[in-house]
Amino acid sequence: MGFFSTILEKLGIGNANAAPAPSATAPAPSASPAATTAIPVVDVVAQLEQKAAANAQKLNWRTSIVDLLKLLDIDSSLTARKELATELGCPADKMGDSAQMNIWLHKAVLARIAANGGNVPADLLD
């Protein structure tokens, strides 16, 4: 099981079969309507806000990948974040700068959560 699957599991999303990140260049699936399966939507914001309210630390999960991982009780060390960034396909030029990697990673994680049935507001995906 990959690192991202652990995030989905902590949010109660799917069965740990993470969908790929959405891509502007990816062709649209051509499956027949009978073959498609609806992904149940999980209110990620409500879950994270509830966890944040119950947490003694002031964690800003909306902008910080470190705080998001801490809120989900997942290892947020630089090593763990690099592993997650590698798993999600972070560009090599961002991997060398932890601040750029963290910004990319936060957006990528939220986008992948949304792609897997998480209800993530558009303002968090920009």
N, C-alpha and C. Protein backbone atom coordinates (compact mmCIF):
# COMPACT_ATOMS: atom_id res chain seq x y z
N MET A 1 0.85 -1.17 0.00
CA MET A 1 0.00 0.00 0.00
C MET A 1 0.89 1.24 0.00
N GLY A 2 0.58 2.18 -0.87
CA GLY A 2 1.37 3.39 -0.98
C GLY A 2 1.01 4.41 0.09
N PHE A 3 1.85 5.40 0.19
CA PHE A 3 1.69 6.48 1.16
C PHE A 3 0.35 7.19 0.94
N PHE A 4 0.02 7.49 -0.31
CA PHE A 4 -1.22 8.20 -0.59
C PHE A 4 -2.44 7.36 -0.21
N SER A 5 -2.36 6.07 -0.37
CA SER A 5 -3.47 5.19 0.02
C SER A 5 -3.75 5.30 1.52
N THR A 6 -2.70 5.53 2.30
CA THR A 6 -2.88 5.72 3.75
C THR A 6 -3.68 6.99 4.01
N ILE A 7 -3.42 8.05 3.23
CA ILE A 7 -4.17 9.29 3.38
C ILE A 7 -5.64 9.03 3.09
N LEU A 8 -5.92 8.34 1.98
CA LEU A 8 -7.32 8.04 1.63
C LEU A 8 -7.98 7.20 2.71
N GLU A 9 -7.25 6.24 3.21
CA GLU A 9 -7.79 5.36 4.26
C GLU A 9 -8.15 6.17 5.51
N LYS A 10 -7.28 7.10 5.91
CA LYS A 10 -7.54 7.93 7.09
C LYS A 10 -8.78 8.80 6.90
N LEU A 11 -9.08 9.16 5.65
CA LEU A 11 -10.25 9.99 5.35
C LEU A 11 -11.49 9.14 5.06
N GLY A 12 -11.34 7.82 5.05
CA GLY A 12 -12.47 6.94 4.77
C GLY A 12 -12.91 6.98 3.32
N ILE A 13 -11.95 7.18 2.44
CA ILE A 13 -12.25 7.29 1.01
C ILE A 13 -11.83 6.01 0.30
N GLY A 14 -12.75 5.48 -0.49
CA GLY A 14 -12.44 4.36 -1.38
C GLY A 14 -11.94 3.13 -0.66
N ASN A 15 -11.34 2.28 -1.47
CA ASN A 15 -10.80 1.03 -0.95
C ASN A 15 -9.30 0.97 -1.16
N ALA A 16 -8.66 2.14 -1.07
CA ALA A 16 -7.21 2.29 -1.19
C ALA A 16 -6.72 2.07 -2.62
N ASN A 17 -7.62 2.02 -3.60
CA ASN A 17 -7.21 1.97 -4.99
C ASN A 17 -7.26 3.39 -5.54
N ALA A 18 -6.20 4.12 -5.32
CA ALA A 18 -6.17 5.54 -5.67
C ALA A 18 -6.24 5.75 -7.18
N ALA A 19 -7.08 6.68 -7.57
CA ALA A 19 -7.16 7.07 -8.98
C ALA A 19 -5.95 7.93 -9.30
N PRO A 20 -5.52 7.91 -10.55
CA PRO A 20 -4.40 8.77 -10.92
C PRO A 20 -4.79 10.23 -10.85
N ALA A 21 -3.80 11.08 -10.75
CA ALA A 21 -4.06 12.52 -10.71
C ALA A 21 -4.71 12.95 -12.02
N PRO A 22 -5.64 13.89 -11.95
CA PRO A 22 -6.25 14.36 -13.18
C PRO A 22 -5.21 15.04 -14.06
N SER A 23 -5.34 14.83 -15.35
CA SER A 23 -4.37 15.40 -16.28
C SER A 23 -5.09 16.02 -17.45
N ALA A 24 -4.65 17.19 -17.84
CA ALA A 24 -5.27 17.88 -18.96
C ALA A 24 -5.00 17.16 -20.27
N THR A 25 -3.93 16.36 -20.32
CA THR A 25 -3.58 15.69 -21.55
C THR A 25 -4.10 14.26 -21.61
N ALA A 26 -4.65 13.77 -20.53
CA ALA A 26 -5.15 12.40 -20.51
C ALA A 26 -6.44 12.30 -21.31
N PRO A 27 -6.57 11.27 -22.12
CA PRO A 27 -7.81 11.11 -22.88
C PRO A 27 -8.96 10.75 -21.95
N ALA A 28 -10.15 11.16 -22.32
CA ALA A 28 -11.33 10.85 -21.52
C ALA A 28 -11.60 9.35 -21.59
N PRO A 29 -12.03 8.74 -20.48
CA PRO A 29 -12.34 7.32 -20.51
C PRO A 29 -13.50 7.06 -21.47
N SER A 30 -13.42 5.95 -22.17
CA SER A 30 -14.47 5.64 -23.13
C SER A 30 -15.28 4.42 -22.69
N ALA A 31 -15.45 4.25 -21.41
CA ALA A 31 -16.22 3.12 -20.88
C ALA A 31 -17.71 3.36 -21.09
N SER A 32 -18.42 2.27 -21.25
CA SER A 32 -19.87 2.39 -21.40
C SER A 32 -20.48 2.78 -20.06
N PRO A 33 -21.64 3.43 -20.05
CA PRO A 33 -22.26 3.84 -18.80
C PRO A 33 -22.46 2.69 -17.82
N ALA A 34 -22.73 1.51 -18.32
CA ALA A 34 -22.96 0.36 -17.44
C ALA A 34 -21.67 -0.07 -16.74
N ALA A 35 -20.53 0.25 -17.34
CA ALA A 35 -19.26 -0.20 -16.77
C ALA A 35 -18.69 0.80 -15.76
N THR A 36 -19.24 2.01 -15.71
CA THR A 36 -18.70 2.99 -14.77
C THR A 36 -19.32 2.82 -13.40
N THR A 37 -18.53 3.13 -12.39
CA THR A 37 -18.98 3.02 -11.02
C THR A 37 -18.89 4.39 -10.37
N ALA A 38 -19.95 4.83 -9.76
CA ALA A 38 -19.94 6.13 -9.09
C ALA A 38 -19.04 6.07 -7.87
N ILE A 39 -18.26 7.13 -7.69
CA ILE A 39 -17.40 7.23 -6.52
C ILE A 39 -18.18 7.96 -5.44
N PRO A 40 -18.36 7.34 -4.26
CA PRO A 40 -19.06 8.05 -3.20
C PRO A 40 -18.26 9.27 -2.76
N VAL A 41 -18.95 10.38 -2.51
CA VAL A 41 -18.30 11.62 -2.14
C VAL A 41 -18.16 11.70 -0.62
N VAL A 42 -16.96 12.06 -0.17
CA VAL A 42 -16.67 12.20 1.25
C VAL A 42 -16.39 13.68 1.51
N ASP A 43 -17.03 14.24 2.54
CA ASP A 43 -16.82 15.65 2.87
C ASP A 43 -15.51 15.80 3.64
N VAL A 44 -14.44 16.01 2.88
CA VAL A 44 -13.10 16.09 3.44
C VAL A 44 -12.95 17.30 4.35
N VAL A 45 -13.48 18.44 3.94
CA VAL A 45 -13.34 19.66 4.73
C VAL A 45 -13.98 19.47 6.10
N ALA A 46 -15.18 18.92 6.14
CA ALA A 46 -15.85 18.71 7.43
C ALA A 46 -15.03 17.79 8.33
N GLN A 47 -14.50 16.72 7.75
CA GLN A 47 -13.67 15.79 8.54
C GLN A 47 -12.43 16.48 9.09
N LEU A 48 -11.74 17.22 8.22
CA LEU A 48 -10.50 17.86 8.64
C LEU A 48 -10.75 18.99 9.63
N GLU A 49 -11.82 19.74 9.43
CA GLU A 49 -12.16 20.81 10.37
C GLU A 49 -12.49 20.22 11.75
N GLN A 50 -13.20 19.11 11.75
CA GLN A 50 -13.54 18.44 13.02
C GLN A 50 -12.27 17.96 13.72
N LYS A 51 -11.36 17.37 12.96
CA LYS A 51 -10.10 16.90 13.54
C LYS A 51 -9.28 18.08 14.06
N ALA A 52 -9.26 19.18 13.30
CA ALA A 52 -8.50 20.36 13.71
C ALA A 52 -9.05 20.95 15.00
N ALA A 53 -10.38 20.99 15.12
CA ALA A 53 -11.01 21.55 16.32
C ALA A 53 -10.69 20.71 17.56
N ALA A 54 -10.53 19.39 17.36
CA ALA A 54 -10.25 18.50 18.47
C ALA A 54 -8.76 18.39 18.79
N ASN A 55 -7.91 18.97 17.94
CA ASN A 55 -6.47 18.86 18.12
C ASN A 55 -5.95 20.04 18.95
N ALA A 56 -5.08 19.74 19.89
CA ALA A 56 -4.52 20.78 20.76
C ALA A 56 -3.62 21.74 19.99
N GLN A 57 -2.98 21.26 18.92
CA GLN A 57 -2.13 22.11 18.10
C GLN A 57 -2.98 22.93 17.13
N LYS A 58 -2.53 24.10 16.77
CA LYS A 58 -3.21 24.91 15.76
C LYS A 58 -2.62 24.52 14.40
N LEU A 59 -3.29 23.61 13.71
CA LEU A 59 -2.77 23.10 12.45
C LEU A 59 -3.53 23.72 11.27
N ASN A 60 -2.78 24.30 10.35
CA ASN A 60 -3.37 24.93 9.18
C ASN A 60 -3.30 23.98 7.98
N TRP A 61 -4.17 22.99 7.97
CA TRP A 61 -4.17 21.97 6.93
C TRP A 61 -4.53 22.54 5.56
N ARG A 62 -5.18 23.70 5.51
CA ARG A 62 -5.60 24.28 4.23
C ARG A 62 -4.41 24.76 3.39
N THR A 63 -3.28 25.07 4.01
CA THR A 63 -2.14 25.57 3.26
C THR A 63 -0.85 24.79 3.51
N SER A 64 -0.82 23.94 4.50
CA SER A 64 0.42 23.25 4.88
C SER A 64 0.29 21.74 4.75
N ILE A 65 1.14 21.14 3.94
CA ILE A 65 1.14 19.68 3.82
C ILE A 65 1.59 19.04 5.13
N VAL A 66 2.52 19.69 5.83
CA VAL A 66 2.98 19.16 7.13
C VAL A 66 1.80 19.10 8.09
N ASP A 67 1.04 20.19 8.19
CA ASP A 67 -0.10 20.22 9.10
C ASP A 67 -1.19 19.24 8.67
N LEU A 68 -1.40 19.10 7.37
CA LEU A 68 -2.40 18.15 6.87
C LEU A 68 -2.02 16.73 7.29
N LEU A 69 -0.76 16.36 7.11
CA LEU A 69 -0.32 15.03 7.49
C LEU A 69 -0.39 14.83 9.01
N LYS A 70 0.00 15.86 9.77
CA LYS A 70 -0.09 15.76 11.24
C LYS A 70 -1.54 15.56 11.68
N LEU A 71 -2.45 16.28 11.05
CA LEU A 71 -3.86 16.17 11.40
C LEU A 71 -4.39 14.77 11.16
N LEU A 72 -3.85 14.10 10.13
CA LEU A 72 -4.26 12.74 9.82
C LEU A 72 -3.44 11.70 10.58
N ASP A 73 -2.56 12.19 11.47
CA ASP A 73 -1.70 11.32 12.28
C ASP A 73 -0.83 10.44 11.39
N ILE A 74 -0.21 11.10 10.38
CA ILE A 74 0.70 10.44 9.44
C ILE A 74 2.05 11.12 9.56
N ASP A 75 3.11 10.37 9.39
CA ASP A 75 4.47 10.90 9.46
C ASP A 75 4.60 12.09 8.52
N SER A 76 5.02 13.23 9.05
CA SER A 76 5.15 14.45 8.25
C SER A 76 6.62 14.87 8.09
N SER A 77 7.54 13.97 8.40
CA SER A 77 8.96 14.28 8.28
C SER A 77 9.32 14.58 6.82
N LEU A 78 10.45 15.23 6.62
CA LEU A 78 10.90 15.54 5.27
C LEU A 78 11.06 14.25 4.46
N THR A 79 11.58 13.23 5.07
CA THR A 79 11.75 11.95 4.38
C THR A 79 10.41 11.39 3.92
N ALA A 80 9.42 11.44 4.79
CA ALA A 80 8.09 10.94 4.44
C ALA A 80 7.46 11.78 3.33
N ARG A 81 7.63 13.10 3.41
CA ARG A 81 7.07 13.98 2.38
C ARG A 81 7.76 13.75 1.04
N LYS A 82 9.06 13.51 1.06
CA LYS A 82 9.76 13.20 -0.20
C LYS A 82 9.26 11.89 -0.79
N GLU A 83 9.00 10.92 0.06
CA GLU A 83 8.46 9.64 -0.40
C GLU A 83 7.09 9.84 -1.05
N LEU A 84 6.24 10.63 -0.41
CA LEU A 84 4.92 10.92 -0.95
C LEU A 84 5.02 11.70 -2.26
N ALA A 85 5.91 12.69 -2.29
CA ALA A 85 6.10 13.48 -3.51
C ALA A 85 6.57 12.61 -4.67
N THR A 86 7.47 11.69 -4.39
CA THR A 86 7.95 10.77 -5.41
C THR A 86 6.80 9.89 -5.90
N GLU A 87 6.01 9.38 -4.97
CA GLU A 87 4.87 8.53 -5.32
C GLU A 87 3.87 9.26 -6.22
N LEU A 88 3.68 10.55 -5.96
CA LEU A 88 2.70 11.32 -6.72
C LEU A 88 3.28 11.97 -7.97
N GLY A 89 4.58 11.79 -8.21
CA GLY A 89 5.19 12.28 -9.44
C GLY A 89 5.62 13.73 -9.42
N CYS A 90 6.13 14.18 -8.30
CA CYS A 90 6.62 15.56 -8.19
C CYS A 90 7.75 15.79 -9.18
N PRO A 91 7.71 16.92 -9.90
CA PRO A 91 8.80 17.23 -10.83
C PRO A 91 10.14 17.32 -10.11
N ALA A 92 11.19 16.87 -10.77
CA ALA A 92 12.53 16.83 -10.16
C ALA A 92 13.00 18.20 -9.72
N ASP A 93 12.66 19.26 -10.45
CA ASP A 93 13.13 20.59 -10.08
C ASP A 93 12.53 21.07 -8.76
N LYS A 94 11.38 20.54 -8.37
CA LYS A 94 10.77 20.93 -7.10
C LYS A 94 11.27 20.06 -5.94
N MET A 95 11.75 18.87 -6.24
CA MET A 95 12.21 17.96 -5.20
C MET A 95 13.44 18.49 -4.47
N GLY A 96 14.24 19.31 -5.14
CA GLY A 96 15.46 19.84 -4.53
C GLY A 96 15.23 21.01 -3.60
N ASP A 97 14.03 21.58 -3.62
CA ASP A 97 13.69 22.73 -2.78
C ASP A 97 12.47 22.34 -1.95
N SER A 98 12.68 22.13 -0.65
CA SER A 98 11.59 21.60 0.18
C SER A 98 10.36 22.51 0.20
N ALA A 99 10.56 23.82 0.14
CA ALA A 99 9.40 24.73 0.14
C ALA A 99 8.57 24.54 -1.13
N GLN A 100 9.24 24.49 -2.29
CA GLN A 100 8.52 24.27 -3.54
C GLN A 100 7.87 22.90 -3.57
N MET A 101 8.58 21.90 -3.07
CA MET A 101 8.03 20.55 -3.03
C MET A 101 6.79 20.52 -2.15
N ASN A 102 6.84 21.18 -0.99
CA ASN A 102 5.70 21.18 -0.08
C ASN A 102 4.48 21.84 -0.71
N ILE A 103 4.68 22.95 -1.41
CA ILE A 103 3.56 23.63 -2.07
C ILE A 103 2.97 22.73 -3.14
N TRP A 104 3.82 22.15 -3.96
CA TRP A 104 3.36 21.23 -5.01
C TRP A 104 2.64 20.04 -4.39
N LEU A 105 3.23 19.49 -3.35
CA LEU A 105 2.68 18.29 -2.71
C LEU A 105 1.31 18.56 -2.10
N HIS A 106 1.14 19.69 -1.45
CA HIS A 106 -0.15 20.03 -0.84
C HIS A 106 -1.23 20.07 -1.91
N LYS A 107 -0.95 20.76 -3.02
CA LYS A 107 -1.93 20.85 -4.11
C LYS A 107 -2.20 19.49 -4.73
N ALA A 108 -1.14 18.70 -4.92
CA ALA A 108 -1.29 17.38 -5.53
C ALA A 108 -2.12 16.45 -4.64
N VAL A 109 -1.86 16.48 -3.34
CA VAL A 109 -2.61 15.62 -2.42
C VAL A 109 -4.10 15.99 -2.43
N LEU A 110 -4.40 17.29 -2.35
CA LEU A 110 -5.81 17.70 -2.37
C LEU A 110 -6.47 17.35 -3.70
N ALA A 111 -5.75 17.51 -4.81
CA ALA A 111 -6.31 17.16 -6.12
C ALA A 111 -6.57 15.66 -6.21
N ARG A 112 -5.66 14.85 -5.70
CA ARG A 112 -5.84 13.40 -5.73
C ARG A 112 -6.96 12.96 -4.79
N ILE A 113 -7.09 13.64 -3.65
CA ILE A 113 -8.21 13.34 -2.75
C ILE A 113 -9.52 13.61 -3.48
N ALA A 114 -9.60 14.74 -4.17
CA ALA A 114 -10.80 15.09 -4.93
C ALA A 114 -11.07 14.06 -6.03
N ALA A 115 -10.03 13.62 -6.71
CA ALA A 115 -10.17 12.64 -7.79
C ALA A 115 -10.65 11.28 -7.28
N ASN A 116 -10.47 11.04 -6.00
CA ASN A 116 -10.87 9.77 -5.41
C ASN A 116 -12.16 9.85 -4.61
N GLY A 117 -12.91 10.94 -4.78
CA GLY A 117 -14.21 11.02 -4.13
C GLY A 117 -14.27 11.96 -2.94
N GLY A 118 -13.22 12.71 -2.72
CA GLY A 118 -13.24 13.69 -1.63
C GLY A 118 -13.82 15.00 -2.11
N ASN A 119 -14.73 15.55 -1.35
CA ASN A 119 -15.33 16.84 -1.69
C ASN A 119 -14.40 17.94 -1.22
N VAL A 120 -13.55 18.41 -2.14
CA VAL A 120 -12.57 19.44 -1.83
C VAL A 120 -12.97 20.69 -2.60
N PRO A 121 -13.17 21.82 -1.90
CA PRO A 121 -13.58 23.06 -2.58
C PRO A 121 -12.56 23.51 -3.62
N ALA A 122 -13.05 24.14 -4.68
CA ALA A 122 -12.20 24.60 -5.78
C ALA A 122 -11.11 25.54 -5.30
N ASP A 123 -11.39 26.37 -4.29
CA ASP A 123 -10.39 27.32 -3.83
C ASP A 123 -9.19 26.64 -3.21
N LEU A 124 -9.33 25.40 -2.77
CA LEU A 124 -8.20 24.64 -2.23
C LEU A 124 -7.46 23.89 -3.32
N LEU A 125 -8.04 23.82 -4.50
CA LEU A 125 -7.42 23.09 -5.60
C LEU A 125 -6.64 24.00 -6.54
N ASP A 126 -6.75 25.30 -6.37
CA ASP A 126 -6.05 26.24 -7.27
C ASP A 126 -4.59 26.34 -6.92
